[in-house]
C-alpha atoms as a PDB file:
ATOM      1  CA  MET A   1    -172.830  79.385  29.928  1.00  0.00           C
ATOM      2  CA  SER A   2    -172.436  83.248  31.067  1.00  0.00           C
ATOM      3  CA  ASN A   3    -172.211  84.745  34.509  1.00  0.00           C
ATOM      4  CA  ALA A   4    -175.646  86.431  34.317  1.00  0.00           C
ATOM      5  CA  THR A   5    -177.223  82.931  33.141  1.00  0.00           C
ATOM      6  CA  SER A   6    -179.276  81.005  35.631  1.00  0.00           C
ATOM      7  CA  LEU A   7    -177.848  77.268  36.868  1.00  0.00           C
ATOM      8  CA  GLN A   8    -180.643  74.596  36.715  1.00  0.00           C
ATOM      9  CA  GLY A   9    -182.558  74.726  39.827  1.00  0.00           C
ATOM     10  CA  PHE A  10    -180.783  78.222  41.323  1.00  0.00           C
ATOM     11  CA  GLY A  11    -181.986  82.032  40.748  1.00  0.00           C
ATOM     12  CA  SER A  12    -180.009  84.714  39.622  1.00  0.00           C
ATOM     13  CA  ASP A  13    -175.986  85.412  40.295  1.00  0.00           C
ATOM     14  CA  ALA A  14    -177.616  88.281  42.401  1.00  0.00           C
ATOM     15  CA  GLU A  15    -179.921  85.905  44.044  1.00  0.00           C
ATOM     16  CA  GLU A  16    -177.081  83.067  45.149  1.00  0.00           C
ATOM     17  CA  ILE A  17    -175.287  86.037  46.298  1.00  0.00           C
ATOM     18  CA  GLU A  18    -178.067  87.480  48.284  1.00  0.00           C
ATOM     19  CA  ARG A  19    -179.187  83.714  49.721  1.00  0.00           C
ATOM     20  CA  ASN A  20    -175.550  82.878  50.616  1.00  0.00           C
ATOM     21  CA  ALA A  21    -175.335  86.121  52.636  1.00  0.00           C
ATOM     22  CA  TYR A  22    -177.772  85.150  54.541  1.00  0.00           C
ATOM     23  CA  ASN A  23    -176.338  81.574  55.164  1.00  0.00           C
ATOM     24  CA  ALA A  24    -173.202  83.227  55.982  1.00  0.00           C
ATOM     25  CA  ALA A  25    -174.563  85.443  58.580  1.00  0.00           C
ATOM     26  CA  PHE A  26    -176.532  82.379  60.280  1.00  0.00           C
ATOM     27  CA  HIS A  27    -173.117  80.618  60.261  1.00  0.00           C
ATOM     28  CA  ALA A  28    -171.073  83.777  61.810  1.00  0.00           C
ATOM     29  CA  LEU A  29    -174.295  84.165  64.318  1.00  0.00           C
ATOM     30  CA  GLY A  30    -173.763  80.126  65.552  1.00  0.00           C
ATOM     31  CA  LEU A  31    -177.118  79.307  63.839  1.00  0.00           C
ATOM     32  CA  ARG A  32    -177.691  75.919  62.467  1.00  0.00           C
ATOM     33  CA  TRP A  33    -179.841  77.371  59.843  1.00  0.00           C
ATOM     34  CA  TYR A  34    -179.788  76.676  55.556  1.00  0.00           C
ATOM     35  CA  TRP A  35    -182.251  78.788  53.818  1.00  0.00           C
ATOM     36  CA  ASP A  36    -181.924  76.261  50.499  1.00  0.00           C
ATOM     37  CA  THR A  37    -183.215  77.721  47.129  1.00  0.00           C
ATOM     38  CA  ASP A  38    -186.525  76.528  47.755  1.00  0.00           C
ATOM     39  CA  THR A  39    -187.014  78.162  51.314  1.00  0.00           C
ATOM     40  CA  TYR A  40    -185.412  81.521  49.934  1.00  0.00           C
ATOM     41  CA  ASN A  41    -187.754  81.567  46.952  1.00  0.00           C
ATOM     42  CA  GLU A  42    -190.564  81.060  49.396  1.00  0.00           C
ATOM     43  CA  LEU A  43    -189.698  83.862  51.338  1.00  0.00           C
ATOM     44  CA  GLN A  44    -189.295  86.253  48.450  1.00  0.00           C
ATOM     45  CA  SER A  45    -193.070  86.685  48.591  1.00  0.00           C
ATOM     46  CA  ILE A  46    -192.722  89.241  51.258  1.00  0.00           C
ATOM     47  CA  SER A  47    -190.943  92.249  49.962  1.00  0.00           C
ATOM     48  CA  ASP A  48    -189.480  93.909  52.907  1.00  0.00           C
ATOM     49  CA  ALA A  49    -186.139  91.624  54.329  1.00  0.00           C
ATOM     50  CA  ARG A  50    -186.135  92.193  57.565  1.00  0.00           C
ATOM     51  CA  GLU A  51    -189.771  90.832  57.793  1.00  0.00           C
ATOM     52  CA  ARG A  52    -188.500  87.435  55.575  1.00  0.00           C
ATOM     53  CA  VAL A  53    -186.451  87.281  58.763  1.00  0.00           C
ATOM     54  CA  ARG A  54    -189.517  88.029  61.181  1.00  0.00           C
ATOM     55  CA  ILE A  55    -191.553  85.872  59.303  1.00  0.00           C
ATOM     56  CA  TYR A  56    -188.924  82.826  59.339  1.00  0.00           C
ATOM     57  CA  LEU A  57    -188.547  83.223  63.161  1.00  0.00           C
ATOM     58  CA  ARG A  58    -192.260  83.306  63.979  1.00  0.00           C
ATOM     59  CA  THR A  59    -192.706  79.791  61.274  1.00  0.00           C
ATOM     60  CA  ARG A  60    -189.129  77.911  61.744  1.00  0.00           C
ATOM     61  CA  GLN A  61    -187.390  79.066  64.536  1.00  0.00           C
ATOM     62  CA  THR A  62    -190.311  80.262  67.042  1.00  0.00           C
ATOM     63  CA  HIS A  63    -188.022  78.344  70.291  1.00  0.00           C
ATOM     64  CA  LEU A  64    -185.293  80.935  69.851  1.00  0.00           C
ATOM     65  CA  LEU A  65    -188.045  83.732  70.568  1.00  0.00           C
ATOM     66  CA  ALA A  66    -188.688  82.782  73.900  1.00  0.00           C
ATOM     67  CA  ALA A  67    -185.044  83.500  74.708  1.00  0.00           C
ATOM     68  CA  TYR A  68    -183.862  86.271  71.818  1.00  0.00           C
ATOM     69  CA  ASP A  69    -186.108  89.666  71.412  1.00  0.00           C
ATOM     70  CA  ALA A  70    -187.301  89.107  67.406  1.00  0.00           C
ATOM     71  CA  ASP A  71    -185.283  92.787  66.793  1.00  0.00           C
ATOM     72  CA  PHE A  72    -182.200  91.773  68.412  1.00  0.00           C
ATOM     73  CA  LEU A  73    -182.073  88.670  65.989  1.00  0.00           C
ATOM     74  CA  ILE A  74    -183.113  90.167  62.872  1.00  0.00           C
ATOM     75  CA  ASN A  75    -180.530  93.379  63.780  1.00  0.00           C
ATOM     76  CA  ALA A  76    -177.860  90.933  63.941  1.00  0.00           C
ATOM     77  CA  ILE A  77    -178.600  88.610  61.484  1.00  0.00           C
ATOM     78  CA  GLU A  78    -178.827  92.008  58.433  1.00  0.00           C
ATOM     79  CA  THR A  79    -175.982  93.660  59.934  1.00  0.00           C
ATOM     80  CA  LYS A  80    -173.676  90.026  59.240  1.00  0.00           C
ATOM     81  CA  LYS A  81    -175.417  89.662  56.092  1.00  0.00           C
ATOM     82  CA  ALA A  82    -174.252  93.579  54.919  1.00  0.00           C
ATOM     83  CA  ASP A  83    -170.690  92.517  56.459  1.00  0.00           C
ATOM     84  CA  CYS A  84    -170.874  89.455  54.303  1.00  0.00           C
ATOM     85  CA  ARG A  85    -172.069  91.294  51.085  1.00  0.00           C
ATOM     86  CA  GLN A  86    -169.597  94.426  51.714  1.00  0.00           C
ATOM     87  CA  THR A  87    -166.306  91.931  52.414  1.00  0.00           C
ATOM     88  CA  GLU A  88    -167.660  89.608  49.359  1.00  0.00           C
ATOM     89  CA  ASP A  89    -167.046  86.481  51.723  1.00  0.00           C
ATOM     90  CA  CYS A  90    -170.329  85.164  50.332  1.00  0.00           C
ATOM     91  CA  SER A  91    -169.612  85.958  46.781  1.00  0.00           C
ATOM     92  CA  GLY A  92    -166.534  84.005  45.946  1.00  0.00           C
ATOM     93  CA  PRO A  93    -166.339  80.784  43.442  1.00  0.00           C
ATOM     94  CA  VAL A  94    -169.438  79.250  42.352  1.00  0.00           C
ATOM     95  CA  ALA A  95    -168.603  76.361  44.428  1.00  0.00           C
ATOM     96  CA  SER A  96    -168.867  78.672  46.967  1.00  0.00           C
ATOM     97  CA  ARG A  97    -172.905  78.953  46.204  1.00  0.00           C
ATOM     98  CA  TYR A  98    -173.029  75.575  47.189  1.00  0.00           C
ATOM     99  CA  PHE A  99    -171.264  75.796  50.557  1.00  0.00           C
ATOM    100  CA  ASN A 100    -173.888  74.248  53.078  1.00  0.00           C
ATOM    101  CA  TRP A 101    -173.520  76.536  56.034  1.00  0.00           C
ATOM    102  CA  ALA A 102    -175.263  74.770  58.330  1.00  0.00           C
ATOM    103  CA  GLU A 103    -173.492  71.817  57.921  1.00  0.00           C
ATOM    104  CA  ALA A 104    -170.080  73.393  59.075  1.00  0.00           C
ATOM    105  CA  ARG A 105    -168.886  73.040  62.679  1.00  0.00           C
ATOM    106  CA  ALA A 106    -170.381  76.407  64.453  1.00  0.00           C
ATOM    107  CA  GLY A 107    -171.762  77.026  68.349  1.00  0.00           C
ATOM    108  CA  GLU A 108    -175.420  76.458  68.429  1.00  0.00           C
ATOM    109  CA  VAL A 109    -177.498  79.057  69.335  1.00  0.00           C
ATOM    110  CA  GLY A 110    -180.825  78.368  70.853  1.00  0.00           C
ATOM    111  CA  ALA A 111    -180.725  74.478  71.119  1.00  0.00           C
END
């Protein structure tokens, strides 16, 4: 299987790197979220990346919006995601794509 070929049950390599960048950002920020492929694919119907995070917050993490401004959280997540992409922390070996960031030990925000 070539690198450009999609793995069964997963999107393209670029989509997996992007999804993993979000999961790495959530982990780095102490958020115990994990976007599996179904969640990520569902959110892809929203064209704007920031709006995807906003919708996710409104529909699945509403408790955080009682304590934090949505734009603050979105900015933090998008900044960490960009850092991950820039340093390639999220695009290592194929095995890292399947790492469940939510299971890693980290302080949980908003619990």
